[in-house]
Amino acid sequence: MAQLVTKGSGSEAVRLSSQTVTATLEGGLATVHIHQVFRYEGSGSVEAVYTFPLPEDASMTGLT
């Protein structure tokens, strides 16, 4: 599952608040669009790393 992993001790969680997935299949190729909204309710800034596990034979063509 995709997630934001916060860095540093005592960091408050950054939670996935919504997710929309759309997929199309054409000629044996699946195109999947994922829209995710994360929510941070802390009072200060936070550093996080976005992780998105994929199978070894998958490819990602964009991230916006």
C-alpha atoms as a PDB file:
ATOM      1  CA  MET A   1       0.000   0.000   0.000  1.00  0.00           C
ATOM      2  CA  ALA A   2       1.223   3.499  -0.774  1.00  0.00           C
ATOM      3  CA  GLN A   3       2.046   5.578   2.235  1.00  0.00           C
ATOM      4  CA  LEU A   4       3.880   8.583   3.578  1.00  0.00           C
ATOM      5  CA  VAL A   5       6.515   7.660   6.123  1.00  0.00           C
ATOM      6  CA  THR A   6       7.467  10.502   8.447  1.00  0.00           C
ATOM      7  CA  LYS A   7      11.036  11.023   9.558  1.00  0.00           C
ATOM      8  CA  GLY A   8      12.248  11.815  13.043  1.00  0.00           C
ATOM      9  CA  SER A   9      11.120  10.783  16.467  1.00  0.00           C
ATOM     10  CA  GLY A  10       7.805  12.016  17.770  1.00  0.00           C
ATOM     11  CA  SER A  11       6.444  12.828  14.306  1.00  0.00           C
ATOM     12  CA  GLU A  12       2.690  12.800  14.066  1.00  0.00           C
ATOM     13  CA  ALA A  13       1.137  10.525  11.473  1.00  0.00           C
ATOM     14  CA  VAL A  14       0.330  11.681   7.966  1.00  0.00           C
ATOM     15  CA  ARG A  15      -2.834   9.765   7.144  1.00  0.00           C
ATOM     16  CA  LEU A  16      -4.405   8.850   3.819  1.00  0.00           C
ATOM     17  CA  SER A  17      -7.786  10.597   3.959  1.00  0.00           C
ATOM     18  CA  SER A  18      -9.125   9.670   0.514  1.00  0.00           C
ATOM     19  CA  GLN A  19      -8.190   7.673  -2.568  1.00  0.00           C
ATOM     20  CA  THR A  20      -9.701   7.311  -6.043  1.00  0.00           C
ATOM     21  CA  VAL A  21      -8.507   4.670  -8.517  1.00  0.00           C
ATOM     22  CA  THR A  22      -9.478   4.479 -12.194  1.00  0.00           C
ATOM     23  CA  ALA A  23      -8.180   1.867 -14.615  1.00  0.00           C
ATOM     24  CA  THR A  24      -8.483   1.168 -18.336  1.00  0.00           C
ATOM     25  CA  LEU A  25      -7.351  -1.904 -20.217  1.00  0.00           C
ATOM     26  CA  GLU A  26      -6.352  -1.567 -23.861  1.00  0.00           C
ATOM     27  CA  GLY A  27      -4.366  -4.028 -25.943  1.00  0.00           C
ATOM     28  CA  GLY A  28      -3.154  -5.966 -22.921  1.00  0.00           C
ATOM     29  CA  LEU A  29      -1.887  -2.813 -21.196  1.00  0.00           C
ATOM     30  CA  ALA A  30      -3.511  -1.497 -18.038  1.00  0.00           C
ATOM     31  CA  THR A  31      -3.378   2.225 -17.364  1.00  0.00           C
ATOM     32  CA  VAL A  32      -4.133   3.068 -13.756  1.00  0.00           C
ATOM     33  CA  HIS A  33      -4.596   6.535 -12.290  1.00  0.00           C
ATOM     34  CA  ILE A  34      -4.523   6.935  -8.519  1.00  0.00           C
ATOM     35  CA  HIS A  35      -5.487  10.163  -6.763  1.00  0.00           C
ATOM     36  CA  GLN A  36      -4.579  10.258  -3.079  1.00  0.00           C
ATOM     37  CA  VAL A  37      -5.124  12.921  -0.451  1.00  0.00           C
ATOM     38  CA  PHE A  38      -3.030  12.799   2.708  1.00  0.00           C
ATOM     39  CA  ARG A  39      -3.838  14.712   5.869  1.00  0.00           C
ATOM     40  CA  TYR A  40      -1.461  16.001   8.491  1.00  0.00           C
ATOM     41  CA  GLU A  41      -2.983  17.497  11.607  1.00  0.00           C
ATOM     42  CA  GLY A  42       0.243  18.443  13.340  1.00  0.00           C
ATOM     43  CA  SER A  43       1.131  22.017  14.160  1.00  0.00           C
ATOM     44  CA  GLY A  44       4.584  22.204  12.581  1.00  0.00           C
ATOM     45  CA  SER A  45       6.201  21.112   9.370  1.00  0.00           C
ATOM     46  CA  VAL A  46       6.981  17.447   8.766  1.00  0.00           C
ATOM     47  CA  GLU A  47       9.353  15.596   6.454  1.00  0.00           C
ATOM     48  CA  ALA A  48       7.957  12.461   4.826  1.00  0.00           C
ATOM     49  CA  VAL A  49       8.910   9.909   2.176  1.00  0.00           C
ATOM     50  CA  TYR A  50       6.253   8.651  -0.259  1.00  0.00           C
ATOM     51  CA  THR A  51       6.498   4.905  -0.851  1.00  0.00           C
ATOM     52  CA  PHE A  52       4.623   3.072  -3.588  1.00  0.00           C
ATOM     53  CA  PRO A  53       5.446  -0.624  -3.947  1.00  0.00           C
ATOM     54  CA  LEU A  54       5.203  -2.098  -7.458  1.00  0.00           C
ATOM     55  CA  PRO A  55       5.702  -5.620  -8.815  1.00  0.00           C
ATOM     56  CA  GLU A  56       9.134  -6.191 -10.394  1.00  0.00           C
ATOM     57  CA  ASP A  57       7.690  -6.241 -13.929  1.00  0.00           C
ATOM     58  CA  ALA A  58       5.597  -3.066 -13.515  1.00  0.00           C
ATOM     59  CA  SER A  59       6.571   0.425 -14.581  1.00  0.00           C
ATOM     60  CA  MET A  60       5.548   3.894 -13.481  1.00  0.00           C
ATOM     61  CA  THR A  61       5.438   6.604 -16.135  1.00  0.00           C
ATOM     62  CA  GLY A  62       4.491   9.640 -14.086  1.00  0.00           C
ATOM     63  CA  LEU A  63       4.008  11.146 -10.668  1.00  0.00           C
ATOM     64  CA  THR A  64       2.341  14.530 -10.236  1.00  0.00           C
END
